[in-house]
PDB file of N, CA and C in Angstrom:
ATOM      1  N   CYS A   1      -3.385  -8.416  22.831  1.00  0.00           N
ATOM      2  CA  CYS A   1      -4.163  -7.194  22.744  1.00  0.00           C
ATOM      3  C   CYS A   1      -5.238  -7.207  23.828  1.00  0.00           C
ATOM      4  N   LEU A   2      -5.569  -6.070  24.299  1.00  0.00           N
ATOM      5  CA  LEU A   2      -6.668  -5.978  25.256  1.00  0.00           C
ATOM      6  C   LEU A   2      -7.970  -6.333  24.537  1.00  0.00           C
ATOM      7  N   PRO A   3      -8.914  -6.939  25.244  1.00  0.00           N
ATOM      8  CA  PRO A   3     -10.195  -7.287  24.608  1.00  0.00           C
ATOM      9  C   PRO A   3     -10.827  -6.069  23.942  1.00  0.00           C
ATOM     10  N   GLY A   4     -11.291  -6.256  22.721  1.00  0.00           N
ATOM     11  CA  GLY A   4     -11.964  -5.194  21.990  1.00  0.00           C
ATOM     12  C   GLY A   4     -11.023  -4.250  21.246  1.00  0.00           C
ATOM     13  N   THR A   5      -9.710  -4.472  21.324  1.00  0.00           N
ATOM     14  CA  THR A   5      -8.775  -3.609  20.609  1.00  0.00           C
ATOM     15  C   THR A   5      -8.173  -4.359  19.422  1.00  0.00           C
ATOM     16  N   ARG A   6      -7.788  -3.623  18.411  1.00  0.00           N
ATOM     17  CA  ARG A   6      -7.161  -4.157  17.197  1.00  0.00           C
ATOM     18  C   ARG A   6      -7.985  -5.292  16.576  1.00  0.00           C
ATOM     19  N   VAL A   7      -9.279  -5.177  16.700  1.00  0.00           N
ATOM     20  CA  VAL A   7     -10.196  -6.227  16.245  1.00  0.00           C
ATOM     21  C   VAL A   7     -10.084  -6.452  14.738  1.00  0.00           C
ATOM     22  N   GLU A   8     -10.052  -5.378  13.960  1.00  0.00           N
ATOM     23  CA  GLU A   8     -10.027  -5.516  12.505  1.00  0.00           C
ATOM     24  C   GLU A   8      -8.778  -6.243  12.022  1.00  0.00           C
ATOM     25  N   ILE A   9      -7.612  -5.851  12.509  1.00  0.00           N
ATOM     26  CA  ILE A   9      -6.376  -6.494  12.056  1.00  0.00           C
ATOM     27  C   ILE A   9      -6.316  -7.942  12.538  1.00  0.00           C
ATOM     28  N   LEU A  10      -6.764  -8.211  13.755  1.00  0.00           N
ATOM     29  CA  LEU A  10      -6.775  -9.580  14.257  1.00  0.00           C
ATOM     30  C   LEU A  10      -7.724 -10.455  13.441  1.00  0.00           C
ATOM     31  N   ASN A  11      -8.890  -9.912  13.082  1.00  0.00           N
ATOM     32  CA  ASN A  11      -9.831 -10.668  12.247  1.00  0.00           C
ATOM     33  C   ASN A  11      -9.225 -10.972  10.876  1.00  0.00           C
ATOM     34  N   ARG A  12      -8.534  -9.986  10.293  1.00  0.00           N
ATOM     35  CA  ARG A  12      -7.896 -10.199   8.975  1.00  0.00           C
ATOM     36  C   ARG A  12      -6.820 -11.273   9.060  1.00  0.00           C
ATOM     37  N   ILE A  13      -6.010 -11.242  10.102  1.00  0.00           N
ATOM     38  CA  ILE A  13      -4.955 -12.245  10.268  1.00  0.00           C
ATOM     39  C   ILE A  13      -5.564 -13.626  10.507  1.00  0.00           C
ATOM     40  N   ASN A  14      -6.572 -13.713  11.373  1.00  0.00           N
ATOM     41  CA  ASN A  14      -7.218 -15.000  11.644  1.00  0.00           C
ATOM     42  C   ASN A  14      -7.843 -15.584  10.384  1.00  0.00           C
ATOM     43  N   GLN A  15      -8.470 -14.748   9.582  1.00  0.00           N
ATOM     44  CA  GLN A  15      -9.064 -15.213   8.323  1.00  0.00           C
ATOM     45  C   GLN A  15      -7.971 -15.709   7.376  1.00  0.00           C
ATOM     46  N   TRP A  16      -6.866 -14.982   7.300  1.00  0.00           N
ATOM     47  CA  TRP A  16      -5.743 -15.396   6.449  1.00  0.00           C
ATOM     48  C   TRP A  16      -5.204 -16.758   6.885  1.00  0.00           C
ATOM     49  N   ILE A  17      -5.072 -16.966   8.196  1.00  0.00           N
ATOM     50  CA  ILE A  17      -4.592 -18.251   8.707  1.00  0.00           C
ATOM     51  C   ILE A  17      -5.559 -19.361   8.306  1.00  0.00           C
ATOM     52  N   ARG A  18      -6.857 -19.122   8.480  1.00  0.00           N
ATOM     53  CA  ARG A  18      -7.853 -20.148   8.123  1.00  0.00           C
ATOM     54  C   ARG A  18      -7.881 -20.420   6.621  1.00  0.00           C
ATOM     55  N   ASP A  19      -7.652 -19.380   5.808  1.00  0.00           N
ATOM     56  CA  ASP A  19      -7.747 -19.525   4.350  1.00  0.00           C
ATOM     57  C   ASP A  19      -6.477 -20.053   3.696  1.00  0.00           C
ATOM     58  N   THR A  20      -5.353 -20.038   4.389  1.00  0.00           N
ATOM     59  CA  THR A  20      -4.096 -20.518   3.814  1.00  0.00           C
ATOM     60  C   THR A  20      -4.108 -22.039   3.891  1.00  0.00           C
ATOM     61  N   PRO A  21      -4.063 -22.713   2.728  1.00  0.00           N
ATOM     62  CA  PRO A  21      -4.281 -24.154   2.682  1.00  0.00           C
ATOM     63  C   PRO A  21      -3.248 -24.999   3.419  1.00  0.00           C
ATOM     64  N   THR A  22      -1.987 -24.617   3.403  1.00  0.00           N
ATOM     65  CA  THR A  22      -0.983 -25.438   4.073  1.00  0.00           C
ATOM     66  C   THR A  22      -0.142 -24.580   4.999  1.00  0.00           C
ATOM     67  N   ALA A  23       0.291 -25.200   6.076  1.00  0.00           N
ATOM     68  CA  ALA A  23       1.098 -24.481   7.058  1.00  0.00           C
ATOM     69  C   ALA A  23       2.413 -23.988   6.449  1.00  0.00           C
ATOM     70  N   ALA A  24       2.911 -24.677   5.427  1.00  0.00           N
ATOM     71  CA  ALA A  24       4.177 -24.279   4.804  1.00  0.00           C
ATOM     72  C   ALA A  24       4.084 -22.884   4.181  1.00  0.00           C
ATOM     73  N   ASN A  25       2.886 -22.449   3.835  1.00  0.00           N
ATOM     74  CA  ASN A  25       2.690 -21.134   3.229  1.00  0.00           C
ATOM     75  C   ASN A  25       2.333 -20.061   4.248  1.00  0.00           C
ATOM     76  N   ARG A  26       2.281 -20.404   5.508  1.00  0.00           N
ATOM     77  CA  ARG A  26       1.868 -19.446   6.534  1.00  0.00           C
ATOM     78  C   ARG A  26       3.061 -18.773   7.188  1.00  0.00           C
ATOM     79  N   VAL A  27       3.523 -17.721   6.578  1.00  0.00           N
ATOM     80  CA  VAL A  27       4.560 -16.881   7.173  1.00  0.00           C
ATOM     81  C   VAL A  27       3.987 -15.470   7.204  1.00  0.00           C
ATOM     82  N   LEU A  28       3.764 -14.976   8.379  1.00  0.00           N
ATOM     83  CA  LEU A  28       3.187 -13.649   8.549  1.00  0.00           C
ATOM     84  C   LEU A  28       4.291 -12.690   8.970  1.00  0.00           C
ATOM     85  N   TRP A  29       4.501 -11.678   8.176  1.00  0.00           N
ATOM     86  CA  TRP A  29       5.529 -10.682   8.450  1.00  0.00           C
ATOM     87  C   TRP A  29       4.817  -9.397   8.829  1.00  0.00           C
ATOM     88  N   ILE A  30       4.964  -8.974  10.062  1.00  0.00           N
ATOM     89  CA  ILE A  30       4.348  -7.730  10.531  1.00  0.00           C
ATOM     90  C   ILE A  30       5.447  -6.688  10.642  1.00  0.00           C
ATOM     91  N   ARG A  31       5.268  -5.581   9.943  1.00  0.00           N
ATOM     92  CA  ARG A  31       6.290  -4.541  10.000  1.00  0.00           C
ATOM     93  C   ARG A  31       5.607  -3.190  10.175  1.00  0.00           C
ATOM     94  N   GLY A  32       6.358  -2.241  10.667  1.00  0.00           N
ATOM     95  CA  GLY A  32       5.828  -0.905  10.852  1.00  0.00           C
ATOM     96  C   GLY A  32       6.689  -0.111  11.813  1.00  0.00           C
ATOM     97  N   MET A  33       6.277   1.105  12.052  1.00  0.00           N
ATOM     98  CA  MET A  33       7.009   2.010  12.934  1.00  0.00           C
ATOM     99  C   MET A  33       7.010   1.461  14.365  1.00  0.00           C
ATOM    100  N   ALA A  34       8.018   1.840  15.110  1.00  0.00           N
ATOM    101  CA  ALA A  34       8.129   1.445  16.514  1.00  0.00           C
ATOM    102  C   ALA A  34       6.932   1.969  17.307  1.00  0.00           C
ATOM    103  N   GLY A  35       6.487   1.163  18.243  1.00  0.00           N
ATOM    104  CA  GLY A  35       5.415   1.592  19.134  1.00  0.00           C
ATOM    105  C   GLY A  35       4.014   1.486  18.565  1.00  0.00           C
ATOM    106  N   ARG A  36       3.847   0.810  17.439  1.00  0.00           N
ATOM    107  CA  ARG A  36       2.533   0.714  16.802  1.00  0.00           C
ATOM    108  C   ARG A  36       1.754  -0.541  17.202  1.00  0.00           C
ATOM    109  N   GLY A  37       2.358  -1.422  18.012  1.00  0.00           N
ATOM    110  CA  GLY A  37       1.631  -2.592  18.493  1.00  0.00           C
ATOM    111  C   GLY A  37       1.921  -3.878  17.739  1.00  0.00           C
ATOM    112  N   LYS A  38       2.985  -3.901  16.950  1.00  0.00           N
ATOM    113  CA  LYS A  38       3.309  -5.111  16.178  1.00  0.00           C
ATOM    114  C   LYS A  38       3.540  -6.310  17.095  1.00  0.00           C
ATOM    115  N   SER A  39       4.319  -6.110  18.135  1.00  0.00           N
ATOM    116  CA  SER A  39       4.623  -7.202  19.063  1.00  0.00           C
ATOM    117  C   SER A  39       3.368  -7.680  19.774  1.00  0.00           C
ATOM    118  N   THR A  40       2.509  -6.753  20.131  1.00  0.00           N
ATOM    119  CA  THR A  40       1.267  -7.113  20.813  1.00  0.00           C
ATOM    120  C   THR A  40       0.367  -7.920  19.900  1.00  0.00           C
ATOM    121  N   VAL A  41       0.247  -7.500  18.653  1.00  0.00           N
ATOM    122  CA  VAL A  41      -0.574  -8.241  17.678  1.00  0.00           C
ATOM    123  C   VAL A  41       0.011  -9.631  17.469  1.00  0.00           C
ATOM    124  N   ALA A  42       1.326  -9.711  17.246  1.00  0.00           N
ATOM    125  CA  ALA A  42       1.973 -11.011  17.015  1.00  0.00           C
ATOM    126  C   ALA A  42       1.799 -11.931  18.213  1.00  0.00           C
ATOM    127  N   SER A  43       1.961 -11.408  19.405  1.00  0.00           N
ATOM    128  CA  SER A  43       1.803 -12.211  20.617  1.00  0.00           C
ATOM    129  C   SER A  43       0.370 -12.701  20.779  1.00  0.00           C
ATOM    130  N   THR A  44      -0.586 -11.839  20.467  1.00  0.00           N
ATOM    131  CA  THR A  44      -1.995 -12.230  20.566  1.00  0.00           C
ATOM    132  C   THR A  44      -2.321 -13.344  19.581  1.00  0.00           C
ATOM    133  N   VAL A  45      -1.850 -13.207  18.347  1.00  0.00           N
ATOM    134  CA  VAL A  45      -2.094 -14.238  17.333  1.00  0.00           C
ATOM    135  C   VAL A  45      -1.447 -15.555  17.765  1.00  0.00           C
ATOM    136  N   ALA A  46      -0.199 -15.488  18.220  1.00  0.00           N
ATOM    137  CA  ALA A  46       0.500 -16.703  18.658  1.00  0.00           C
ATOM    138  C   ALA A  46      -0.234 -17.362  19.822  1.00  0.00           C
ATOM    139  N   HIS A  47      -0.707 -16.553  20.758  1.00  0.00           N
ATOM    140  CA  HIS A  47      -1.440 -17.098  21.907  1.00  0.00           C
ATOM    141  C   HIS A  47      -2.749 -17.744  21.453  1.00  0.00           C
ATOM    142  N   ASN A  48      -3.496 -17.063  20.590  1.00  0.00           N
ATOM    143  CA  ASN A  48      -4.792 -17.574  20.144  1.00  0.00           C
ATOM    144  C   ASN A  48      -4.674 -18.848  19.322  1.00  0.00           C
ATOM    145  N   TRP A  49      -3.616 -18.968  18.535  1.00  0.00           N
ATOM    146  CA  TRP A  49      -3.454 -20.129  17.644  1.00  0.00           C
ATOM    147  C   TRP A  49      -2.467 -21.151  18.182  1.00  0.00           C
ATOM    148  N   GLY A  50      -1.815 -20.879  19.303  1.00  0.00           N
ATOM    149  CA  GLY A  50      -0.775 -21.760  19.837  1.00  0.00           C
ATOM    150  C   GLY A  50      -1.206 -23.188  20.053  1.00  0.00           C
ATOM    151  N   SER A  51      -2.419 -23.397  20.500  1.00  0.00           N
ATOM    152  CA  SER A  51      -2.892 -24.759  20.764  1.00  0.00           C
ATOM    153  C   SER A  51      -3.349 -25.474  19.490  1.00  0.00           C
ATOM    154  N   LYS A  52      -3.405 -24.751  18.374  1.00  0.00           N
ATOM    155  CA  LYS A  52      -3.899 -25.325  17.124  1.00  0.00           C
ATOM    156  C   LYS A  52      -2.769 -25.662  16.156  1.00  0.00           C
ATOM    157  N   GLY A  53      -1.533 -25.393  16.526  1.00  0.00           N
ATOM    158  CA  GLY A  53      -0.402 -25.679  15.645  1.00  0.00           C
ATOM    159  C   GLY A  53       0.863 -25.046  16.164  1.00  0.00           C
ATOM    160  N   SER A  54       1.909 -25.164  15.389  1.00  0.00           N
ATOM    161  CA  SER A  54       3.201 -24.612  15.781  1.00  0.00           C
ATOM    162  C   SER A  54       3.334 -23.190  15.277  1.00  0.00           C
ATOM    163  N   GLY A  55       4.017 -22.388  16.032  1.00  0.00           N
ATOM    164  CA  GLY A  55       4.249 -21.015  15.619  1.00  0.00           C
ATOM    165  C   GLY A  55       5.434 -20.438  16.358  1.00  0.00           C
ATOM    166  N   ALA A  56       5.942 -19.358  15.841  1.00  0.00           N
ATOM    167  CA  ALA A  56       7.092 -18.720  16.470  1.00  0.00           C
ATOM    168  C   ALA A  56       7.036 -17.222  16.202  1.00  0.00           C
ATOM    169  N   ILE A  57       7.632 -16.477  17.101  1.00  0.00           N
ATOM    170  CA  ILE A  57       7.746 -15.027  16.943  1.00  0.00           C
ATOM    171  C   ILE A  57       9.220 -14.687  17.040  1.00  0.00           C
ATOM    172  N   PHE A  58       9.671 -13.843  16.145  1.00  0.00           N
ATOM    173  CA  PHE A  58      11.049 -13.374  16.220  1.00  0.00           C
ATOM    174  C   PHE A  58      11.060 -11.902  15.858  1.00  0.00           C
ATOM    175  N   HIS A  59      11.762 -11.111  16.632  1.00  0.00           N
ATOM    176  CA  HIS A  59      11.814  -9.673  16.418  1.00  0.00           C
ATOM    177  C   HIS A  59      13.135  -9.277  15.773  1.00  0.00           C
ATOM    178  N   PHE A  60      13.050  -8.481  14.713  1.00  0.00           N
ATOM    179  CA  PHE A  60      14.238  -7.908  14.085  1.00  0.00           C
ATOM    180  C   PHE A  60      14.270  -6.427  14.407  1.00  0.00           C
ATOM    181  N   ARG A  61      15.451  -5.913  14.592  1.00  0.00           N
ATOM    182  CA  ARG A  61      15.615  -4.474  14.773  1.00  0.00           C
ATOM    183  C   ARG A  61      16.535  -3.958  13.693  1.00  0.00           C
ATOM    184  N   ARG A  62      16.128  -2.879  13.090  1.00  0.00           N
ATOM    185  CA  ARG A  62      16.925  -2.272  12.026  1.00  0.00           C
ATOM    186  C   ARG A  62      18.349  -2.020  12.503  1.00  0.00           C
ATOM    187  N   GLY A  63      19.307  -2.432  11.678  1.00  0.00           N
ATOM    188  CA  GLY A  63      20.705  -2.178  11.971  1.00  0.00           C
ATOM    189  C   GLY A  63      21.363  -3.160  12.913  1.00  0.00           C
ATOM    190  N   GLU A  64      20.633  -4.156  13.400  1.00  0.00           N
ATOM    191  CA  GLU A  64      21.212  -5.139  14.315  1.00  0.00           C
ATOM    192  C   GLU A  64      21.402  -6.461  13.587  1.00  0.00           C
ATOM    193  N   ASN A  65      22.482  -6.536  12.831  1.00  0.00           N
ATOM    194  CA  ASN A  65      22.755  -7.743  12.065  1.00  0.00           C
ATOM    195  C   ASN A  65      23.097  -8.936  12.941  1.00  0.00           C
ATOM    196  N   ALA A  66      23.443  -8.721  14.184  1.00  0.00           N
ATOM    197  CA  ALA A  66      23.782  -9.824  15.076  1.00  0.00           C
ATOM    198  C   ALA A  66      22.605 -10.782  15.222  1.00  0.00           C
ATOM    199  N   LEU A  67      21.390 -10.270  15.063  1.00  0.00           N
ATOM    200  CA  LEU A  67      20.218 -11.136  15.192  1.00  0.00           C
ATOM    201  C   LEU A  67      20.124 -12.145  14.056  1.00  0.00           C
ATOM    202  N   ASP A  68      20.726 -11.836  12.906  1.00  0.00           N
ATOM    203  CA  ASP A  68      20.645 -12.745  11.776  1.00  0.00           C
ATOM    204  C   ASP A  68      21.138 -14.130  12.137  1.00  0.00           C
ATOM    205  N   GLY A  69      22.204 -14.205  12.927  1.00  0.00           N
ATOM    206  CA  GLY A  69      22.781 -15.487  13.294  1.00  0.00           C
ATOM    207  C   GLY A  69      21.901 -16.298  14.216  1.00  0.00           C
ATOM    208  N   GLN A  70      20.922 -15.685  14.815  1.00  0.00           N
ATOM    209  CA  GLN A  70      20.064 -16.371  15.775  1.00  0.00           C
ATOM    210  C   GLN A  70      18.681 -16.698  15.224  1.00  0.00           C
ATOM    211  N   PHE A  71      18.340 -16.160  14.066  1.00  0.00           N
ATOM    212  CA  PHE A  71      16.973 -16.269  13.566  1.00  0.00           C
ATOM    213  C   PHE A  71      16.521 -17.708  13.360  1.00  0.00           C
ATOM    214  N   ILE A  72      17.237 -18.461  12.562  1.00  0.00           N
ATOM    215  CA  ILE A  72      16.831 -19.835  12.261  1.00  0.00           C
ATOM    216  C   ILE A  72      16.847 -20.674  13.528  1.00  0.00           C
ATOM    217  N   CYS A  73      17.867 -20.478  14.356  1.00  0.00           N
ATOM    218  CA  CYS A  73      17.949 -21.238  15.606  1.00  0.00           C
ATOM    219  C   CYS A  73      16.748 -20.947  16.512  1.00  0.00           C
ATOM    220  N   ALA A  74      16.369 -19.687  16.611  1.00  0.00           N
ATOM    221  CA  ALA A  74      15.214 -19.323  17.436  1.00  0.00           C
ATOM    222  C   ALA A  74      13.933 -19.913  16.854  1.00  0.00           C
ATOM    223  N   LEU A  75      13.808 -19.874  15.544  1.00  0.00           N
ATOM    224  CA  LEU A  75      12.631 -20.433  14.889  1.00  0.00           C
ATOM    225  C   LEU A  75      12.529 -21.934  15.138  1.00  0.00           C
ATOM    226  N   VAL A  76      13.629 -22.629  14.999  1.00  0.00           N
ATOM    227  CA  VAL A  76      13.649 -24.076  15.247  1.00  0.00           C
ATOM    228  C   VAL A  76      13.282 -24.365  16.696  1.00  0.00           C
ATOM    229  N   ARG A  77      13.838 -23.583  17.624  1.00  0.00           N
ATOM    230  CA  ARG A  77      13.538 -23.795  19.036  1.00  0.00           C
ATOM    231  C   ARG A  77      12.045 -23.623  19.318  1.00  0.00           C
ATOM    232  N   HIS A  78      11.454 -22.556  18.779  1.00  0.00           N
ATOM    233  CA  HIS A  78      10.032 -22.307  19.004  1.00  0.00           C
ATOM    234  C   HIS A  78       9.176 -23.397  18.370  1.00  0.00           C
ATOM    235  N   LEU A  79       9.482 -23.759  17.148  1.00  0.00           N
ATOM    236  CA  LEU A  79       8.693 -24.775  16.459  1.00  0.00           C
ATOM    237  C   LEU A  79       8.886 -26.149  17.091  1.00  0.00           C
ATOM    238  N   GLY A  80      10.107 -26.458  17.492  1.00  0.00           N
ATOM    239  CA  GLY A  80      10.402 -27.756  18.084  1.00  0.00           C
ATOM    240  C   GLY A  80       9.678 -28.014  19.385  1.00  0.00           C
ATOM    241  N   ARG A  81       9.332 -26.963  20.087  1.00  0.00           N
ATOM    242  CA  ARG A  81       8.602 -27.087  21.353  1.00  0.00           C
ATOM    243  C   ARG A  81       7.299 -27.848  21.195  1.00  0.00           C
ATOM    244  N   ASP A  82       6.592 -27.597  20.083  1.00  0.00           N
ATOM    245  CA  ASP A  82       5.235 -28.093  19.938  1.00  0.00           C
ATOM    246  C   ASP A  82       5.114 -29.298  19.003  1.00  0.00           C
ATOM    247  N   LEU A  83       6.224 -29.785  18.489  1.00  0.00           N
ATOM    248  CA  LEU A  83       6.148 -30.863  17.515  1.00  0.00           C
ATOM    249  C   LEU A  83       6.084 -32.226  18.181  1.00  0.00           C
ATOM    250  N   VAL A  84       5.741 -33.226  17.382  1.00  0.00           N
ATOM    251  CA  VAL A  84       5.693 -34.595  17.894  1.00  0.00           C
ATOM    252  C   VAL A  84       7.089 -34.982  18.380  1.00  0.00           C
ATOM    253  N   PRO A  85       7.190 -35.858  19.349  1.00  0.00           N
ATOM    254  CA  PRO A  85       8.490 -36.193  19.944  1.00  0.00           C
ATOM    255  C   PRO A  85       9.553 -36.634  18.932  1.00  0.00           C
ATOM    256  N   GLU A  86       9.174 -37.378  17.904  1.00  0.00           N
ATOM    257  CA  GLU A  86      10.163 -37.841  16.922  1.00  0.00           C
ATOM    258  C   GLU A  86      10.830 -36.672  16.210  1.00  0.00           C
ATOM    259  N   VAL A  87      10.046 -35.678  15.823  1.00  0.00           N
ATOM    260  CA  VAL A  87      10.592 -34.509  15.128  1.00  0.00           C
ATOM    261  C   VAL A  87      11.400 -33.665  16.103  1.00  0.00           C
ATOM    262  N   LYS A  88      10.864 -33.471  17.283  1.00  0.00           N
ATOM    263  CA  LYS A  88      11.573 -32.692  18.303  1.00  0.00           C
ATOM    264  C   LYS A  88      12.930 -33.318  18.603  1.00  0.00           C
ATOM    265  N   ASN A  89      12.968 -34.637  18.764  1.00  0.00           N
ATOM    266  CA  ASN A  89      14.232 -35.321  19.050  1.00  0.00           C
ATOM    267  C   ASN A  89      15.202 -35.238  17.880  1.00  0.00           C
ATOM    268  N   ALA A  90      14.691 -35.287  16.656  1.00  0.00           N
ATOM    269  CA  ALA A  90      15.550 -35.147  15.482  1.00  0.00           C
ATOM    270  C   ALA A  90      16.196 -33.758  15.459  1.00  0.00           C
ATOM    271  N   ILE A  91      15.421 -32.732  15.813  1.00  0.00           N
ATOM    272  CA  ILE A  91      15.950 -31.366  15.870  1.00  0.00           C
ATOM    273  C   ILE A  91      17.031 -31.275  16.944  1.00  0.00           C
ATOM    274  N   LEU A  92      16.758 -31.829  18.113  1.00  0.00           N
ATOM    275  CA  LEU A  92      17.737 -31.793  19.201  1.00  0.00           C
ATOM    276  C   LEU A  92      19.022 -32.515  18.816  1.00  0.00           C
ATOM    277  N   ASP A  93      18.893 -33.675  18.167  1.00  0.00           N
ATOM    278  CA  ASP A  93      20.077 -34.413  17.711  1.00  0.00           C
ATOM    279  C   ASP A  93      20.882 -33.581  16.718  1.00  0.00           C
ATOM    280  N   CYS A  94      20.188 -32.923  15.811  1.00  0.00           N
ATOM    281  CA  CYS A  94      20.851 -32.098  14.801  1.00  0.00           C
ATOM    282  C   CYS A  94      21.621 -30.957  15.459  1.00  0.00           C
ATOM    283  N   VAL A  95      21.033 -30.339  16.471  1.00  0.00           N
ATOM    284  CA  VAL A  95      21.698 -29.239  17.172  1.00  0.00           C
ATOM    285  C   VAL A  95      22.913 -29.758  17.937  1.00  0.00           C
ATOM    286  N   ARG A  96      22.779 -30.924  18.559  1.00  0.00           N
ATOM    287  CA  ARG A  96      23.923 -31.504  19.277  1.00  0.00           C
ATOM    288  C   ARG A  96      25.085 -31.801  18.338  1.00  0.00           C
ATOM    289  N   GLU A  97      24.767 -32.239  17.136  1.00  0.00           N
ATOM    290  CA  GLU A  97      25.793 -32.577  16.144  1.00  0.00           C
ATOM    291  C   GLU A  97      26.407 -31.322  15.513  1.00  0.00           C
ATOM    292  N   ASN A  98      25.731 -30.194  15.649  1.00  0.00           N
ATOM    293  CA  ASN A  98      26.183 -28.936  15.029  1.00  0.00           C
ATOM    294  C   ASN A  98      26.161 -27.816  16.070  1.00  0.00           C
ATOM    295  N   GLU A  99      26.957 -27.953  17.106  1.00  0.00           N
ATOM    296  CA  GLU A  99      26.923 -27.023  18.236  1.00  0.00           C
ATOM    297  C   GLU A  99      27.204 -25.571  17.854  1.00  0.00           C
ATOM    298  N   ASP A 100      27.938 -25.358  16.768  1.00  0.00           N
ATOM    299  CA  ASP A 100      28.271 -23.994  16.361  1.00  0.00           C
ATOM    300  C   ASP A 100      27.320 -23.451  15.293  1.00  0.00           C
ATOM    301  N   ILE A 101      26.155 -24.048  15.153  1.00  0.00           N
ATOM    302  CA  ILE A 101      25.235 -23.701  14.069  1.00  0.00           C
ATOM    303  C   ILE A 101      24.822 -22.230  14.101  1.00  0.00           C
ATOM    304  N   ALA A 102      24.708 -21.628  15.280  1.00  0.00           N
ATOM    305  CA  ALA A 102      24.275 -20.226  15.372  1.00  0.00           C
ATOM    306  C   ALA A 102      25.295 -19.271  14.769  1.00  0.00           C
ATOM    307  N   LYS A 103      26.529 -19.735  14.585  1.00  0.00           N
ATOM    308  CA  LYS A 103      27.577 -18.893  14.008  1.00  0.00           C
ATOM    309  C   LYS A 103      27.651 -19.029  12.490  1.00  0.00           C
ATOM    310  N   LYS A 104      26.871 -19.953  11.939  1.00  0.00           N
ATOM    311  CA  LYS A 104      26.882 -20.188  10.496  1.00  0.00           C
ATOM    312  C   LYS A 104      25.984 -19.178   9.790  1.00  0.00           C
ATOM    313  N   ARG A 105      26.162 -19.077   8.476  1.00  0.00           N
ATOM    314  CA  ARG A 105      25.307 -18.210   7.664  1.00  0.00           C
ATOM    315  C   ARG A 105      23.872 -18.726   7.706  1.00  0.00           C
ATOM    316  N   LEU A 106      22.900 -17.823   7.497  1.00  0.00           N
ATOM    317  CA  LEU A 106      21.486 -18.208   7.540  1.00  0.00           C
ATOM    318  C   LEU A 106      21.181 -19.380   6.624  1.00  0.00           C
ATOM    319  N   GLU A 107      21.722 -19.360   5.423  1.00  0.00           N
ATOM    320  CA  GLU A 107      21.455 -20.437   4.473  1.00  0.00           C
ATOM    321  C   GLU A 107      21.900 -21.782   5.034  1.00  0.00           C
ATOM    322  N   GLN A 108      23.066 -21.816   5.655  1.00  0.00           N
ATOM    323  CA  GLN A 108      23.570 -23.077   6.237  1.00  0.00           C
ATOM    324  C   GLN A 108      22.724 -23.491   7.434  1.00  0.00           C
ATOM    325  N   GLN A 109      22.314 -22.533   8.254  1.00  0.00           N
ATOM    326  CA  GLN A 109      21.435 -22.858   9.384  1.00  0.00           C
ATOM    327  C   GLN A 109      20.149 -23.495   8.882  1.00  0.00           C
ATOM    328  N   PHE A 110      19.560 -22.888   7.852  1.00  0.00           N
ATOM    329  CA  PHE A 110      18.298 -23.400   7.314  1.00  0.00           C
ATOM    330  C   PHE A 110      18.469 -24.827   6.784  1.00  0.00           C
ATOM    331  N   LYS A 111      19.510 -25.031   5.979  1.00  0.00           N
ATOM    332  CA  LYS A 111      19.741 -26.370   5.399  1.00  0.00           C
ATOM    333  C   LYS A 111      19.987 -27.415   6.480  1.00  0.00           C
ATOM    334  N   THR A 112      20.722 -27.039   7.494  1.00  0.00           N
ATOM    335  CA  THR A 112      21.059 -27.989   8.548  1.00  0.00           C
ATOM    336  C   THR A 112      19.874 -28.311   9.444  1.00  0.00           C
ATOM    337  N   LEU A 113      19.148 -27.298   9.860  1.00  0.00           N
ATOM    338  CA  LEU A 113      18.106 -27.489  10.856  1.00  0.00           C
ATOM    339  C   LEU A 113      16.718 -27.798  10.278  1.00  0.00           C
ATOM    340  N   PHE A 114      16.441 -27.352   9.075  1.00  0.00           N
ATOM    341  CA  PHE A 114      15.115 -27.589   8.502  1.00  0.00           C
ATOM    342  C   PHE A 114      15.116 -28.653   7.424  1.00  0.00           C
ATOM    343  N   VAL A 115      16.052 -28.534   6.481  1.00  0.00           N
ATOM    344  CA  VAL A 115      16.048 -29.433   5.332  1.00  0.00           C
ATOM    345  C   VAL A 115      16.513 -30.811   5.759  1.00  0.00           C
TER     346      VAL A 115
END
């Protein structure tokens, strides 16, 4: 966001991040009409908090089910970037062992890559 814009929503999101006790509970879902600044807000939050922890942004578009197959994989890729080397390497090993994971159902992707 440009400096001085969307201050109220950014303050609310930042407060929510600070008040949420564990990272496991921090899933922010921003939704709304096209062109309302959702991507800009999400990018600003990710940029501001990027050095303080792991985060990821993924965009869904109504009616594009093809994205479902990529969601977990994209999330793992984004999160794996910032993790300690042991976790990052474990994720990479898991992906190498499951090269077709992006073609699996979301539930299987989640179990394979996260659990």
